[in-house]
């Protein structure tokens, strides 16, 4: 069966089998190496092909949307705050947790 030109990873037979086996969205996305958004598109194409509705557990799980996310920038300080401390952008810090505090200590230079 032709895979079409939407995605080289779209395999309706394999996707259908995984859904019928009860695989979760996380398991399917890992197997196909695709994002949840791409899985949604593949699911729509499969449902259109089969003229059937499929349910993939965890695909539309919005319970985690409200959780805070760690930004790849890390902790960001304004220029004004840095100017008051004497630290420079890009300085390295060690982080420790003490009871209800996070303590940042500048890394020692070699």
N, C-alpha and C. Protein backbone atom coordinates (compact mmCIF):
# COMPACT_ATOMS: atom_id res chain seq x y z
N UNK A 1 0.85 -1.18 0.00
CA UNK A 1 0.00 0.00 0.00
C UNK A 1 0.89 1.24 0.00
N UNK A 2 0.54 2.18 -0.85
CA UNK A 2 1.32 3.41 -0.94
C UNK A 2 1.16 4.23 0.34
N UNK A 3 2.24 4.84 0.73
CA UNK A 3 2.21 5.62 1.97
C UNK A 3 1.81 7.06 1.73
N UNK A 4 1.73 7.50 0.50
CA UNK A 4 1.37 8.89 0.22
C UNK A 4 2.57 9.79 0.42
N UNK A 5 2.35 11.08 0.32
CA UNK A 5 3.46 12.00 0.45
C UNK A 5 3.35 12.88 1.68
N UNK A 6 2.40 12.60 2.56
CA UNK A 6 2.23 13.43 3.75
C UNK A 6 3.39 13.24 4.71
N UNK A 7 3.72 12.00 4.99
CA UNK A 7 4.78 11.71 5.95
C UNK A 7 5.40 10.37 5.60
N UNK A 8 6.70 10.31 5.57
CA UNK A 8 7.36 9.05 5.28
C UNK A 8 7.14 8.04 6.41
N UNK A 9 6.73 8.53 7.56
CA UNK A 9 6.51 7.64 8.70
C UNK A 9 5.07 7.15 8.81
N UNK A 10 4.19 7.62 7.92
CA UNK A 10 2.79 7.19 7.96
C UNK A 10 2.68 5.77 7.42
N UNK A 11 2.23 4.88 8.28
CA UNK A 11 2.05 3.48 7.92
C UNK A 11 0.69 3.06 8.48
N UNK A 12 -0.37 3.16 7.67
CA UNK A 12 -1.71 2.90 8.20
C UNK A 12 -1.89 1.51 8.78
N UNK A 13 -1.27 0.50 8.17
CA UNK A 13 -1.42 -0.87 8.68
C UNK A 13 -0.80 -1.02 10.07
N UNK A 14 0.39 -0.48 10.22
CA UNK A 14 1.07 -0.56 11.52
C UNK A 14 0.34 0.27 12.57
N UNK A 15 -0.11 1.47 12.18
CA UNK A 15 -0.84 2.33 13.12
C UNK A 15 -2.13 1.65 13.57
N UNK A 16 -2.88 1.11 12.62
CA UNK A 16 -4.12 0.41 12.94
C UNK A 16 -3.87 -0.73 13.92
N UNK A 17 -2.84 -1.52 13.67
CA UNK A 17 -2.50 -2.66 14.53
C UNK A 17 -2.17 -2.19 15.94
N UNK A 18 -1.37 -1.13 16.05
CA UNK A 18 -0.99 -0.63 17.37
C UNK A 18 -2.21 -0.10 18.14
N UNK A 19 -3.11 0.57 17.42
CA UNK A 19 -4.32 1.08 18.08
C UNK A 19 -5.18 -0.09 18.56
N UNK A 20 -5.35 -1.10 17.70
CA UNK A 20 -6.15 -2.27 18.07
C UNK A 20 -5.53 -3.04 19.23
N UNK A 21 -4.20 -2.98 19.37
CA UNK A 21 -3.52 -3.62 20.50
C UNK A 21 -3.64 -2.80 21.78
N UNK A 22 -4.20 -1.59 21.67
CA UNK A 22 -4.38 -0.75 22.85
C UNK A 22 -3.17 0.07 23.23
N UNK A 23 -2.26 0.27 22.29
CA UNK A 23 -1.07 1.08 22.58
C UNK A 23 -1.47 2.53 22.86
N UNK A 24 -0.74 3.18 23.74
CA UNK A 24 -1.03 4.57 24.10
C UNK A 24 -0.39 5.51 23.07
N UNK A 25 -0.81 6.76 23.12
CA UNK A 25 -0.24 7.76 22.22
C UNK A 25 1.27 7.86 22.41
N UNK A 26 1.72 7.79 23.65
CA UNK A 26 3.16 7.88 23.92
C UNK A 26 3.91 6.71 23.26
N UNK A 27 3.35 5.52 23.39
CA UNK A 27 4.00 4.34 22.79
C UNK A 27 4.03 4.45 21.26
N UNK A 28 2.93 4.92 20.69
CA UNK A 28 2.86 5.04 19.23
C UNK A 28 3.81 6.12 18.72
N UNK A 29 3.83 7.27 19.38
CA UNK A 29 4.73 8.35 18.93
C UNK A 29 6.19 7.93 19.04
N UNK A 30 6.52 7.18 20.08
CA UNK A 30 7.89 6.71 20.22
C UNK A 30 8.25 5.71 19.12
N UNK A 31 7.33 4.80 18.84
CA UNK A 31 7.57 3.79 17.81
C UNK A 31 7.76 4.42 16.43
N UNK A 32 6.90 5.38 16.09
CA UNK A 32 6.98 6.02 14.79
C UNK A 32 7.97 7.19 14.75
N UNK A 33 8.45 7.59 15.92
CA UNK A 33 9.35 8.74 16.05
C UNK A 33 8.69 9.99 15.46
N UNK A 34 7.48 10.27 15.97
CA UNK A 34 6.71 11.43 15.53
C UNK A 34 6.19 12.16 16.76
N UNK A 35 5.72 13.38 16.55
CA UNK A 35 5.15 14.16 17.64
C UNK A 35 3.68 13.79 17.81
N UNK A 36 3.09 14.14 18.96
CA UNK A 36 1.65 13.91 19.15
C UNK A 36 0.82 14.62 18.08
N UNK A 37 1.26 15.77 17.62
CA UNK A 37 0.53 16.50 16.59
C UNK A 37 0.52 15.72 15.27
N UNK A 38 1.66 15.12 14.94
CA UNK A 38 1.74 14.31 13.73
C UNK A 38 0.89 13.06 13.89
N UNK A 39 0.88 12.48 15.08
CA UNK A 39 0.02 11.32 15.32
C UNK A 39 -1.44 11.68 15.09
N UNK A 40 -1.85 12.85 15.51
CA UNK A 40 -3.24 13.27 15.28
C UNK A 40 -3.54 13.32 13.79
N UNK A 41 -2.61 13.86 13.01
CA UNK A 41 -2.80 13.91 11.56
C UNK A 41 -2.87 12.51 10.97
N UNK A 42 -2.00 11.61 11.42
CA UNK A 42 -2.01 10.24 10.93
C UNK A 42 -3.32 9.56 11.31
N UNK A 43 -3.81 9.84 12.50
CA UNK A 43 -5.07 9.25 12.95
C UNK A 43 -6.24 9.71 12.08
N UNK A 44 -6.26 10.98 11.74
CA UNK A 44 -7.31 11.50 10.86
C UNK A 44 -7.26 10.81 9.50
N UNK A 45 -6.04 10.66 8.96
CA UNK A 45 -5.91 9.99 7.66
C UNK A 45 -6.37 8.54 7.74
N UNK A 46 -6.03 7.85 8.84
CA UNK A 46 -6.44 6.46 9.01
C UNK A 46 -7.96 6.36 9.15
N UNK A 47 -8.54 7.25 9.92
CA UNK A 47 -10.00 7.23 10.10
C UNK A 47 -10.70 7.51 8.78
N UNK A 48 -10.15 8.39 7.98
CA UNK A 48 -10.72 8.68 6.67
C UNK A 48 -10.60 7.46 5.75
N UNK A 49 -9.46 6.81 5.81
CA UNK A 49 -9.23 5.62 5.00
C UNK A 49 -10.18 4.48 5.38
N UNK A 50 -10.32 4.24 6.67
CA UNK A 50 -11.12 3.10 7.16
C UNK A 50 -12.59 3.45 7.35
N UNK A 51 -12.92 4.74 7.30
CA UNK A 51 -14.30 5.19 7.57
C UNK A 51 -14.75 4.66 8.94
N UNK A 52 -13.86 4.83 9.92
CA UNK A 52 -14.07 4.32 11.27
C UNK A 52 -13.40 5.27 12.25
N UNK A 53 -13.96 5.39 13.44
CA UNK A 53 -13.37 6.23 14.49
C UNK A 53 -12.48 5.36 15.38
N UNK A 54 -11.27 5.85 15.62
CA UNK A 54 -10.33 5.17 16.51
C UNK A 54 -10.06 6.07 17.71
N UNK A 55 -9.87 5.43 18.86
CA UNK A 55 -9.53 6.17 20.08
C UNK A 55 -8.12 5.74 20.49
N UNK A 56 -7.25 6.73 20.68
CA UNK A 56 -5.88 6.47 21.13
C UNK A 56 -5.74 7.07 22.52
N UNK A 57 -5.57 6.21 23.51
CA UNK A 57 -5.45 6.68 24.89
C UNK A 57 -4.26 7.61 25.05
N UNK A 58 -4.53 8.77 25.68
CA UNK A 58 -3.48 9.74 25.97
C UNK A 58 -3.24 10.75 24.87
N UNK A 59 -3.88 10.60 23.71
CA UNK A 59 -3.62 11.52 22.62
C UNK A 59 -4.20 12.90 22.88
N UNK A 60 -5.34 12.96 23.51
CA UNK A 60 -5.96 14.25 23.80
C UNK A 60 -6.01 14.49 25.30
N UNK A 61 -4.95 14.10 25.99
CA UNK A 61 -4.86 14.25 27.44
C UNK A 61 -4.30 15.63 27.75
N UNK A 62 -5.19 16.53 28.13
CA UNK A 62 -4.78 17.91 28.41
C UNK A 62 -4.52 18.14 29.89
N UNK A 63 -4.47 17.08 30.70
CA UNK A 63 -4.28 17.25 32.14
C UNK A 63 -2.91 17.84 32.47
N UNK A 64 -1.94 17.68 31.60
CA UNK A 64 -0.59 18.17 31.87
C UNK A 64 -0.36 19.58 31.35
N UNK A 65 -1.33 20.14 30.65
CA UNK A 65 -1.16 21.46 30.06
C UNK A 65 -0.90 22.52 31.12
N UNK A 66 -1.51 22.38 32.30
CA UNK A 66 -1.38 23.37 33.35
C UNK A 66 -0.07 23.28 34.12
N UNK A 67 0.68 22.17 33.96
CA UNK A 67 1.94 22.03 34.69
C UNK A 67 2.95 23.05 34.18
N UNK A 68 3.81 23.53 35.08
CA UNK A 68 4.84 24.44 34.63
C UNK A 68 5.86 23.68 33.82
N UNK A 69 6.44 24.38 32.90
CA UNK A 69 7.45 23.77 32.04
C UNK A 69 8.78 24.47 32.28
N UNK A 70 9.84 23.70 32.23
CA UNK A 70 11.17 24.28 32.38
C UNK A 70 11.57 24.80 31.01
N UNK A 71 11.93 26.03 30.97
CA UNK A 71 12.37 26.65 29.72
C UNK A 71 13.83 26.30 29.49
N UNK A 72 14.22 26.16 28.25
CA UNK A 72 15.61 25.80 28.00
C UNK A 72 16.57 26.94 28.31
N UNK A 73 16.05 28.14 28.49
CA UNK A 73 16.92 29.26 28.85
C UNK A 73 17.34 29.18 30.31
N UNK A 74 16.63 28.42 31.14
CA UNK A 74 16.94 28.33 32.55
C UNK A 74 16.39 29.52 33.32
N UNK A 75 17.06 29.91 34.37
CA UNK A 75 16.63 31.06 35.16
C UNK A 75 17.13 32.31 34.46
N UNK A 76 16.22 33.26 34.29
CA UNK A 76 16.56 34.48 33.56
C UNK A 76 16.50 35.67 34.52
N UNK A 77 17.58 36.44 34.53
CA UNK A 77 17.63 37.66 35.34
C UNK A 77 17.71 38.85 34.41
N UNK A 78 17.10 39.94 34.82
CA UNK A 78 17.17 41.16 34.01
C UNK A 78 18.58 41.74 34.08
N UNK A 79 18.89 42.61 33.11
CA UNK A 79 20.20 43.28 33.10
C UNK A 79 20.39 44.11 34.35
N UNK A 80 19.32 44.74 34.80
CA UNK A 80 19.39 45.58 36.00
C UNK A 80 19.75 44.74 37.24
N UNK A 81 19.12 43.58 37.35
CA UNK A 81 19.41 42.72 38.50
C UNK A 81 20.85 42.22 38.44
N UNK A 82 21.30 41.83 37.27
CA UNK A 82 22.69 41.38 37.14
C UNK A 82 23.66 42.50 37.48
N UNK A 83 23.37 43.71 37.06
CA UNK A 83 24.25 44.85 37.34
C UNK A 83 24.40 45.06 38.84
N UNK A 84 23.37 44.81 39.61
CA UNK A 84 23.43 44.99 41.07
C UNK A 84 24.25 43.90 41.75
N UNK A 85 24.42 42.74 41.09
CA UNK A 85 25.10 41.61 41.73
C UNK A 85 26.55 41.47 41.35
N UNK A 86 26.92 42.02 40.20
CA UNK A 86 28.29 41.84 39.72
C UNK A 86 28.45 40.58 38.88
N UNK A 87 27.39 39.82 38.69
CA UNK A 87 27.45 38.63 37.84
C UNK A 87 27.31 39.05 36.39
N UNK A 88 27.79 38.20 35.50
CA UNK A 88 27.75 38.48 34.06
C UNK A 88 26.86 37.45 33.36
N UNK A 89 26.28 37.82 32.23
CA UNK A 89 25.52 36.83 31.47
C UNK A 89 26.41 35.65 31.12
N UNK A 90 25.90 34.46 31.28
CA UNK A 90 26.66 33.25 30.97
C UNK A 90 27.44 32.69 32.14
N UNK A 91 27.45 33.38 33.30
CA UNK A 91 28.15 32.85 34.48
C UNK A 91 27.54 31.50 34.88
N UNK A 92 28.37 30.62 35.38
CA UNK A 92 27.95 29.28 35.81
C UNK A 92 27.58 29.32 37.30
N UNK A 93 26.52 28.64 37.67
CA UNK A 93 26.08 28.57 39.07
C UNK A 93 25.76 27.14 39.45
N UNK A 94 26.06 26.81 40.71
CA UNK A 94 25.64 25.54 41.29
C UNK A 94 24.36 25.82 42.06
N UNK A 95 23.39 24.92 41.96
CA UNK A 95 22.13 25.12 42.65
C UNK A 95 21.97 24.09 43.76
N UNK A 96 21.59 24.55 44.94
CA UNK A 96 21.27 23.64 46.04
C UNK A 96 19.91 24.04 46.59
N UNK A 97 19.26 23.09 47.24
CA UNK A 97 17.96 23.36 47.86
C UNK A 97 18.13 23.22 49.36
N UNK A 98 17.73 24.26 50.09
CA UNK A 98 17.81 24.27 51.55
C UNK A 98 16.43 24.59 52.09
N UNK A 99 15.76 23.59 52.62
CA UNK A 99 14.39 23.73 53.13
C UNK A 99 13.50 24.36 52.08
N UNK A 100 13.10 25.61 52.27
CA UNK A 100 12.18 26.26 51.35
C UNK A 100 12.88 27.26 50.44
N UNK A 101 14.19 27.06 50.21
CA UNK A 101 14.96 28.01 49.40
C UNK A 101 15.76 27.30 48.33
N UNK A 102 15.96 27.99 47.24
CA UNK A 102 16.90 27.56 46.21
C UNK A 102 18.08 28.51 46.31
N UNK A 103 19.27 27.94 46.47
CA UNK A 103 20.48 28.74 46.63
C UNK A 103 21.35 28.56 45.41
N UNK A 104 21.75 29.68 44.79
CA UNK A 104 22.64 29.65 43.66
C UNK A 104 24.02 30.14 44.10
N UNK A 105 25.04 29.35 43.81
CA UNK A 105 26.41 29.71 44.17
C UNK A 105 27.23 29.71 42.89
N UNK A 106 27.94 30.82 42.65
CA UNK A 106 28.74 30.94 41.43
C UNK A 106 29.81 29.85 41.41
N UNK A 107 29.94 29.20 40.26
CA UNK A 107 30.96 28.15 40.12
C UNK A 107 32.35 28.79 40.24
N UNK A 108 33.24 28.04 40.86
CA UNK A 108 34.61 28.52 40.99
C UNK A 108 35.34 28.33 39.68
N UNK A 109 36.13 29.33 39.26
CA UNK A 109 36.90 29.21 38.03
C UNK A 109 38.12 28.34 38.27
N UNK A 110 38.55 27.69 37.19
CA UNK A 110 39.74 26.81 37.31
C UNK A 110 41.01 27.60 37.34
